């Protein structure tokens, strides 16, 4: 059989349109913090990272972590979206377009999960203990008031405008993984007694308001996607039933696609990735001796290991597929041609991958040509610690 005309190729590599975004195939590079920054400004390394993934056949590559304000960064040298960064983002978008792909920016705010002492006490839905910032001198967050909510929603909208101005084809609102919008959705971190808390209708109010503003300001020129936790991965967190309520509201409001995910960075960071925990590298990356010592002594207790299995989010994702008609992107443990075929047959419109592309940016081209049947990534997760060093890379592919 000619591989270029096989049923697999026809299913997996046909064009897909969602909203204003037409993609040449079903595959998107999921947002993962890349590093490749100098004083918060993307370097040539970040441009080349995404251009290489586009050259490798990905239809859409997602840049992360695009904080909407300085205080929205988890640590000081991350990127935030402002006028000074637009020219380099324009070069990144142009490079991806020249490579045959489309590009999205993940927009987010860290909420309480922050080490940014210079930005004051981190904002959150409620006053929360911030273990991540404890050794940086910011052990507690400040509950957001009405002015904070208005200002932050506006920051998301302005950041989306700037990204579209830079030539990006889409923005992805991050409502997962325990960052600010996810903190509002989760009953574990949203303890408010006012209209912004309580049952899921109240907890979802702020994230949905942010979506409305971004859609209104950027949705006529670019697609607006949402990365949404299906569940937080721990008792007392967001449930799939409550998450489905949010998904249905986003469908009604015109989200162009949902990228389905799970996990809470401050509690279950490897729930969203699975595989090995690169503890030695995490100790090495500690910002001070106390942080290094804490991770060395208590790392196995702090960071739980979740064994990797292919398509580890499939059961939850199928629940959403049964109840929604909007485009859905499956994310979580996609390894092989068989996995992809299974997901397409199950009705998923898009397929999001991260580590297979980090391991080999040519993964899709090789799969399409029949040179390989599955990714060579062994889920060691050493790439996770490299994000905070020189920039994300697969340590198994060193020259």
Protein backbone atom coordinates (compact mmCIF):
# COMPACT_ATOMS: atom_id res chain seq x y z
CA UNK A 1 0.00 0.00 0.00
CA UNK A 2 1.18 3.50 -0.83
CA UNK A 3 1.64 5.09 2.60
CA UNK A 4 0.90 8.57 1.29
CA UNK A 5 -2.64 7.49 0.34
CA UNK A 6 -3.35 5.00 3.14
CA UNK A 7 -6.53 5.33 5.24
CA UNK A 8 -4.37 6.43 8.18
CA UNK A 9 -2.79 9.27 6.20
CA UNK A 10 -6.15 10.36 4.80
CA UNK A 11 -7.65 10.50 8.30
CA UNK A 12 -4.74 11.97 10.22
CA UNK A 13 -3.32 14.42 7.72
CA UNK A 14 -6.41 15.95 6.19
CA UNK A 15 -7.03 19.69 6.73
CA UNK A 16 -9.12 20.74 9.74
CA UNK A 17 -10.93 24.06 10.16
CA UNK A 18 -11.99 25.43 13.52
CA UNK A 19 -13.29 28.97 13.62
CA UNK A 20 -10.93 31.23 11.69
CA UNK A 21 -8.16 28.65 11.83
CA UNK A 22 -7.57 26.19 9.00
CA UNK A 23 -4.87 23.64 9.79
CA UNK A 24 -3.15 21.40 7.28
CA UNK A 25 -3.62 18.35 9.52
CA UNK A 26 -4.90 17.35 12.96
CA UNK A 27 -1.67 17.73 14.92
CA UNK A 28 -0.81 20.52 17.32
CA UNK A 29 2.22 21.00 19.50
CA UNK A 30 0.86 21.37 23.01
CA UNK A 31 2.03 24.28 25.15
CA UNK A 32 4.95 23.42 27.42
CA UNK A 33 7.23 25.97 29.03
CA UNK A 34 10.28 26.05 26.76
CA UNK A 35 12.77 28.40 28.40
CA UNK A 36 14.90 30.01 25.67
CA UNK A 37 14.49 33.45 27.26
CA UNK A 38 16.89 36.21 28.22
CA UNK A 39 15.52 38.70 30.73
CA UNK A 40 12.02 37.64 29.73
CA UNK A 41 12.60 38.16 25.99
CA UNK A 42 12.48 35.16 23.61
CA UNK A 43 15.82 34.23 22.09
CA UNK A 44 16.61 32.79 18.68
CA UNK A 45 16.42 29.41 20.40
CA UNK A 46 12.69 29.80 20.99
CA UNK A 47 12.10 30.87 17.40
CA UNK A 48 14.04 27.91 16.06
CA UNK A 49 12.35 25.50 18.47
CA UNK A 50 8.91 26.28 17.08
CA UNK A 51 10.06 26.63 13.48
CA UNK A 52 11.61 23.16 13.68
CA UNK A 53 8.34 21.68 14.94
CA UNK A 54 6.50 23.36 12.06
CA UNK A 55 9.06 22.03 9.56
CA UNK A 56 8.43 18.61 11.07
CA UNK A 57 4.80 18.73 10.01
CA UNK A 58 2.86 20.05 13.01
CA UNK A 59 -0.08 22.12 11.82
CA UNK A 60 -0.11 24.37 14.91
CA UNK A 61 2.61 24.98 17.47
CA UNK A 62 1.82 26.61 20.80
CA UNK A 63 4.19 29.01 22.54
CA UNK A 64 4.22 28.93 26.33
CA UNK A 65 4.25 30.47 28.94
CA UNK A 66 2.77 33.83 27.91
CA UNK A 67 1.98 35.63 31.15
CA UNK A 68 -0.41 38.54 30.75
CA UNK A 69 1.43 40.75 33.28
CA UNK A 70 4.73 40.82 35.20
CA UNK A 71 3.00 39.52 38.33
CA UNK A 72 1.52 36.68 36.27
CA UNK A 73 4.89 34.94 35.97
CA UNK A 74 5.77 31.99 38.18
CA UNK A 75 9.34 33.24 38.32
CA UNK A 76 11.05 36.43 37.33
CA UNK A 77 12.74 35.58 34.03
CA UNK A 78 9.62 34.20 32.33
CA UNK A 79 8.01 36.02 29.43
CA UNK A 80 5.09 38.37 29.79
CA UNK A 81 3.22 39.97 26.92
CA UNK A 82 3.95 43.69 26.45
CA UNK A 83 4.72 46.13 23.63
CA UNK A 84 8.46 45.56 23.85
CA UNK A 85 8.10 41.89 23.03
CA UNK A 86 5.87 42.25 19.96
CA UNK A 87 8.74 42.57 17.41
CA UNK A 88 10.39 39.31 18.45
CA UNK A 89 7.02 37.54 18.59
CA UNK A 90 6.42 38.78 15.04
CA UNK A 91 9.69 37.17 13.94
CA UNK A 92 8.66 33.93 15.66
CA UNK A 93 5.29 33.93 13.90
CA UNK A 94 6.93 34.65 10.55
CA UNK A 95 9.42 31.81 11.03
CA UNK A 96 6.65 29.33 11.80
CA UNK A 97 4.61 30.51 8.81
CA UNK A 98 7.64 30.20 6.53
CA UNK A 99 8.04 26.63 7.81
CA UNK A 100 4.49 25.80 6.77
CA UNK A 101 2.77 25.92 10.15
CA UNK A 102 0.46 28.06 12.24
CA UNK A 103 1.26 29.44 15.69
CA UNK A 104 -0.67 30.02 18.91
CA UNK A 105 0.26 31.76 22.17
CA UNK A 106 -0.82 30.31 25.48
CA UNK A 107 -2.03 33.20 27.67
CA UNK A 108 -1.98 32.71 31.40
CA UNK A 109 -1.44 34.10 34.88
CA UNK A 110 0.17 32.12 37.68
CA UNK A 111 -2.13 33.27 40.48
CA UNK A 112 -0.67 32.22 43.83
CA UNK A 113 1.84 29.77 42.29
CA UNK A 114 4.71 32.25 42.22
CA UNK A 115 8.23 33.00 43.39
CA UNK A 116 8.05 36.63 42.26
CA UNK A 117 8.70 38.41 45.52
CA UNK A 118 9.44 41.69 43.69
CA UNK A 119 5.82 41.80 42.51
CA UNK A 120 4.36 41.73 46.00
CA UNK A 121 2.04 39.09 47.38
CA UNK A 122 0.70 36.91 44.56
CA UNK A 123 -2.94 37.21 43.60
CA UNK A 124 -5.40 34.34 43.91
CA UNK A 125 -9.13 33.69 44.32
CA UNK A 126 -8.59 33.35 48.07
CA UNK A 127 -5.87 33.72 50.67
CA UNK A 128 -3.86 30.53 50.10
CA UNK A 129 -0.66 28.97 51.36
CA UNK A 130 2.02 29.20 48.66
CA UNK A 131 4.51 26.40 49.29
CA UNK A 132 6.22 27.17 45.97
CA UNK A 133 7.06 30.69 47.14
CA UNK A 134 7.73 29.85 50.79
CA UNK A 135 11.51 29.99 50.52
CA UNK A 136 11.24 33.18 48.44
CA UNK A 137 9.47 34.97 51.26
CA UNK A 138 5.90 34.94 49.88
CA UNK A 139 4.15 32.10 51.75
CA UNK A 140 0.61 33.46 51.27
CA UNK A 141 -1.44 34.90 48.44
CA UNK A 142 -3.79 37.86 48.57
CA UNK A 143 -7.46 37.32 47.69
CA UNK A 144 -8.37 39.32 44.60
CA UNK A 145 -10.86 42.16 45.05
CA UNK A 146 -13.19 43.57 42.40
CA UNK A 147 -10.53 45.95 41.07
CA UNK A 148 -8.05 43.08 40.76
CA UNK A 149 -10.59 41.02 38.85
CA UNK A 150 -11.41 43.85 36.43
CA UNK A 151 -7.76 44.70 35.86
CA UNK A 152 -6.72 41.08 35.30
CA UNK A 153 -9.54 40.33 32.86
CA UNK A 154 -8.50 43.42 30.91
CA UNK A 155 -4.86 42.28 30.96
CA UNK A 156 -5.84 39.00 29.30
CA UNK A 157 -7.75 40.88 26.59
CA UNK A 158 -4.89 43.31 25.92
CA UNK A 159 -2.35 40.49 25.79
CA UNK A 160 -4.49 38.68 23.23
CA UNK A 161 -4.62 41.84 21.11
CA UNK A 162 -0.84 42.21 21.19
CA UNK A 163 -0.29 38.57 20.22
CA UNK A 164 -2.64 38.90 17.26
CA UNK A 165 -0.87 42.14 16.31
CA UNK A 166 2.35 40.12 16.25
CA UNK A 167 0.86 37.80 13.62
CA UNK A 168 -0.21 34.82 15.70
CA UNK A 169 -3.01 32.70 14.29
CA UNK A 170 -4.54 31.73 17.63
CA UNK A 171 -4.45 32.26 21.36
CA UNK A 172 -4.97 29.56 23.95
CA UNK A 173 -6.43 30.57 27.31
CA UNK A 174 -4.92 28.43 30.06
CA UNK A 175 -7.72 27.25 32.35
CA UNK A 176 -5.78 24.23 33.57
CA UNK A 177 -2.87 22.98 35.63
CA UNK A 178 -3.51 25.08 38.72
CA UNK A 179 -2.77 28.54 37.34
CA UNK A 180 -5.04 31.50 38.07
CA UNK A 181 -8.09 30.64 35.94
CA UNK A 182 -7.81 27.02 37.07
CA UNK A 183 -7.54 28.23 40.69
CA UNK A 184 -10.90 29.95 40.30
CA UNK A 185 -12.48 26.79 38.90
CA UNK A 186 -11.14 24.49 41.62
CA UNK A 187 -13.00 24.24 44.94
CA UNK A 188 -9.65 23.44 46.56
CA UNK A 189 -8.34 26.96 45.88
CA UNK A 190 -11.48 29.05 45.42
CA UNK A 191 -12.93 29.55 48.91
CA UNK A 192 -14.81 32.75 48.10
CA UNK A 193 -18.26 33.39 49.54
CA UNK A 194 -19.24 36.03 46.97
CA UNK A 195 -20.50 35.76 43.39
CA UNK A 196 -17.05 34.62 42.20
CA UNK A 197 -17.03 31.44 44.31
CA UNK A 198 -19.25 28.74 45.76
CA UNK A 199 -20.81 26.31 43.31
CA UNK A 200 -19.29 25.84 39.87
CA UNK A 201 -21.50 28.57 38.38
CA UNK A 202 -19.77 31.11 40.63
CA UNK A 203 -16.30 29.60 40.39
CA UNK A 204 -16.52 29.64 36.59
CA UNK A 205 -17.69 33.26 36.43
CA UNK A 206 -14.25 34.90 36.27
CA UNK A 207 -12.65 32.45 33.78
CA UNK A 208 -15.70 32.80 31.53
CA UNK A 209 -15.54 36.59 31.76
CA UNK A 210 -11.90 36.44 30.71
CA UNK A 211 -12.87 34.25 27.76
CA UNK A 212 -15.63 36.65 26.69
CA UNK A 213 -13.25 39.60 26.63
CA UNK A 214 -10.54 37.76 24.74
CA UNK A 215 -13.07 36.45 22.21
CA UNK A 216 -14.51 39.94 21.74
CA UNK A 217 -11.14 41.63 21.28
CA UNK A 218 -9.20 38.98 19.34
CA UNK A 219 -11.74 36.48 18.06
CA UNK A 220 -12.47 38.33 14.82
CA UNK A 221 -8.82 37.98 13.73
CA UNK A 222 -7.62 34.77 15.36
CA UNK A 223 -8.93 31.53 16.81
CA UNK A 224 -9.48 31.35 20.56
CA UNK A 225 -8.74 27.96 22.08
CA UNK A 226 -8.94 26.94 25.74
CA UNK A 227 -6.81 24.44 27.64
CA UNK A 228 -9.13 23.06 30.29
CA UNK A 229 -8.59 20.67 33.17
CA UNK A 230 -11.00 17.77 33.00
CA UNK A 231 -10.08 17.13 36.63
CA UNK A 232 -7.39 18.36 39.00
CA UNK A 233 -6.18 14.87 39.90
CA UNK A 234 -6.71 15.02 43.67
CA UNK A 235 -9.55 14.68 46.15
CA UNK A 236 -11.38 17.96 46.67
CA UNK A 237 -10.29 19.43 43.35
CA UNK A 238 -12.23 20.13 40.16
CA UNK A 239 -14.34 17.16 39.07
CA UNK A 240 -15.17 16.06 35.54
CA UNK A 241 -18.83 16.93 36.13
CA UNK A 242 -18.01 20.52 37.09
CA UNK A 243 -15.49 20.78 34.28
CA UNK A 244 -18.12 19.67 31.79
CA UNK A 245 -20.30 22.58 32.93
CA UNK A 246 -17.44 24.95 32.06
CA UNK A 247 -16.88 23.20 28.73
CA UNK A 248 -20.54 23.56 27.79
CA UNK A 249 -20.47 27.26 28.64
CA UNK A 250 -17.34 27.72 26.52
CA UNK A 251 -19.06 25.90 23.67
CA UNK A 252 -22.01 28.30 23.94
CA UNK A 253 -19.68 31.31 24.02
CA UNK A 254 -17.90 30.26 20.83
CA UNK A 255 -14.60 28.70 21.86
CA UNK A 256 -12.95 27.38 18.71
CA UNK A 257 -11.58 24.26 20.40
CA UNK A 258 -10.83 22.78 23.81
CA UNK A 259 -7.49 21.18 24.61
CA UNK A 260 -8.41 18.64 27.29
CA UNK A 261 -5.91 18.16 30.09
CA UNK A 262 -5.62 17.65 33.85
CA UNK A 263 -3.43 18.06 36.89
CA UNK A 264 -2.45 20.84 39.28
CA UNK A 265 1.13 22.08 39.20
CA UNK A 266 1.25 22.96 42.89
CA UNK A 267 -0.16 19.57 43.97
CA UNK A 268 0.01 16.94 41.20
CA UNK A 269 2.55 18.23 38.65
CA UNK A 270 3.28 14.87 37.02
CA UNK A 271 -0.38 13.86 36.79
CA UNK A 272 -0.42 15.75 33.49
CA UNK A 273 2.72 14.08 32.09
CA UNK A 274 3.28 10.66 33.69
CA UNK A 275 6.53 8.75 33.65
CA UNK A 276 9.72 9.31 35.63
CA UNK A 277 10.29 12.16 38.08
CA UNK A 278 13.68 13.80 37.24
CA UNK A 279 14.46 14.50 40.89
CA UNK A 280 18.22 15.05 40.52
CA UNK A 281 17.66 17.73 37.92
CA UNK A 282 14.96 19.36 40.03
CA UNK A 283 17.37 19.53 42.97
CA UNK A 284 20.05 21.00 40.71
CA UNK A 285 17.63 23.68 39.52
CA UNK A 286 16.82 24.89 43.03
CA UNK A 287 17.28 28.65 43.34
CA UNK A 288 18.96 28.57 46.75
CA UNK A 289 20.53 26.04 49.16
CA UNK A 290 17.38 25.76 51.26
CA UNK A 291 15.30 24.90 48.20
CA UNK A 292 17.85 22.34 47.04
CA UNK A 293 17.98 20.74 50.50
CA UNK A 294 14.20 20.62 50.80
CA UNK A 295 13.85 18.89 47.45
CA UNK A 296 16.69 16.46 48.26
CA UNK A 297 15.12 15.47 51.59
CA UNK A 298 11.43 15.54 50.73
CA UNK A 299 11.29 15.40 46.93
CA UNK A 300 9.74 11.92 46.69
CA UNK A 301 7.03 13.00 49.12
CA UNK A 302 6.42 16.38 47.47
CA UNK A 303 6.37 15.21 43.85
CA UNK A 304 4.26 12.11 43.34
CA UNK A 305 5.11 9.74 40.51
CA UNK A 306 2.38 8.64 38.08
CA UNK A 307 3.26 5.64 35.87
CA UNK A 308 3.00 6.29 32.15
CA UNK A 309 0.45 4.42 30.08
CA UNK A 310 -0.52 5.30 26.50
CA UNK A 311 -3.59 7.55 26.17
CA UNK A 312 -3.77 8.03 29.94
CA UNK A 313 -6.50 10.71 29.74
CA UNK A 314 -8.70 8.80 27.29
CA UNK A 315 -11.47 7.71 29.66
CA UNK A 316 -12.04 11.26 30.91
CA UNK A 317 -11.74 12.72 27.42
CA UNK A 318 -14.36 10.35 26.02
CA UNK A 319 -16.81 11.64 28.64
CA UNK A 320 -16.37 15.14 27.20
CA UNK A 321 -16.59 13.88 23.61
CA UNK A 322 -19.95 12.26 24.35
CA UNK A 323 -21.43 15.48 25.74
CA UNK A 324 -19.99 18.15 23.43
CA UNK A 325 -20.23 18.89 19.71
CA UNK A 326 -17.41 21.47 19.55
CA UNK A 327 -13.89 20.62 18.32
CA UNK A 328 -11.83 18.79 20.94
CA UNK A 329 -8.09 18.22 21.07
CA UNK A 330 -6.96 15.07 22.84
CA UNK A 331 -3.78 15.41 24.91
CA UNK A 332 -2.08 12.77 27.04
CA UNK A 333 0.13 9.82 26.18
CA UNK A 334 -0.12 9.78 22.39
CA UNK A 335 2.72 7.57 21.20
CA UNK A 336 1.92 5.67 18.05
CA UNK A 337 0.08 5.36 14.78
CA UNK A 338 -2.38 3.02 16.53
CA UNK A 339 -3.03 5.62 19.25
CA UNK A 340 -3.75 8.27 16.65
CA UNK A 341 -6.08 6.00 14.69
CA UNK A 342 -7.96 5.16 17.88
CA UNK A 343 -8.41 8.83 18.78
CA UNK A 344 -9.66 9.79 15.32
CA UNK A 345 -12.12 6.90 15.30
CA UNK A 346 -13.30 8.05 18.76
CA UNK A 347 -14.21 11.44 17.30
CA UNK A 348 -11.39 13.74 18.44
CA UNK A 349 -10.81 16.54 15.95
CA UNK A 350 -7.26 17.46 16.96
CA UNK A 351 -4.38 15.59 18.54
CA UNK A 352 -1.96 17.44 20.81
CA UNK A 353 1.54 16.19 21.52
CA UNK A 354 4.50 17.62 23.40
CA UNK A 355 7.25 15.19 24.42
CA UNK A 356 7.29 13.27 21.10
CA UNK A 357 8.03 16.61 19.36
CA UNK A 358 10.67 17.53 21.94
CA UNK A 359 12.31 14.14 21.45
CA UNK A 360 12.20 14.48 17.67
CA UNK A 361 10.73 17.48 15.82
CA UNK A 362 10.56 15.23 12.74
CA UNK A 363 8.30 12.72 14.49
CA UNK A 364 5.24 13.43 12.32
CA UNK A 365 7.12 13.38 9.03
CA UNK A 366 8.67 10.04 9.91
CA UNK A 367 5.29 8.69 10.96
CA UNK A 368 3.71 9.93 7.74
CA UNK A 369 6.44 8.35 5.61
CA UNK A 370 6.15 5.03 7.43
CA UNK A 371 9.71 5.23 8.76
CA UNK A 372 8.46 4.77 12.35
CA UNK A 373 5.27 3.56 14.01
CA UNK A 374 5.73 5.23 17.39
CA UNK A 375 7.62 7.91 19.24
CA UNK A 376 11.06 7.14 20.63
CA UNK A 377 10.41 9.19 23.78
CA UNK A 378 10.93 7.02 26.89
CA UNK A 379 9.11 9.49 29.23
CA UNK A 380 12.18 10.07 31.40
CA UNK A 381 11.00 13.72 31.72
CA UNK A 382 14.53 15.09 31.84
CA UNK A 383 13.29 17.65 29.30
CA UNK A 384 11.21 19.16 32.12
CA UNK A 385 14.29 20.23 34.09
CA UNK A 386 16.05 21.41 30.94
CA UNK A 387 13.31 24.04 30.50
CA UNK A 388 14.80 25.96 33.42
CA UNK A 389 18.37 25.55 32.22
CA UNK A 390 19.44 26.39 28.67
CA UNK A 391 16.05 25.60 27.15
CA UNK A 392 13.90 22.54 26.57
CA UNK A 393 15.64 19.67 24.82
CA UNK A 394 15.72 15.91 24.82
CA UNK A 395 18.82 14.84 26.75
CA UNK A 396 18.75 11.47 24.98
CA UNK A 397 19.38 13.18 21.64
CA UNK A 398 22.61 14.96 22.56
CA UNK A 399 25.21 14.92 19.78
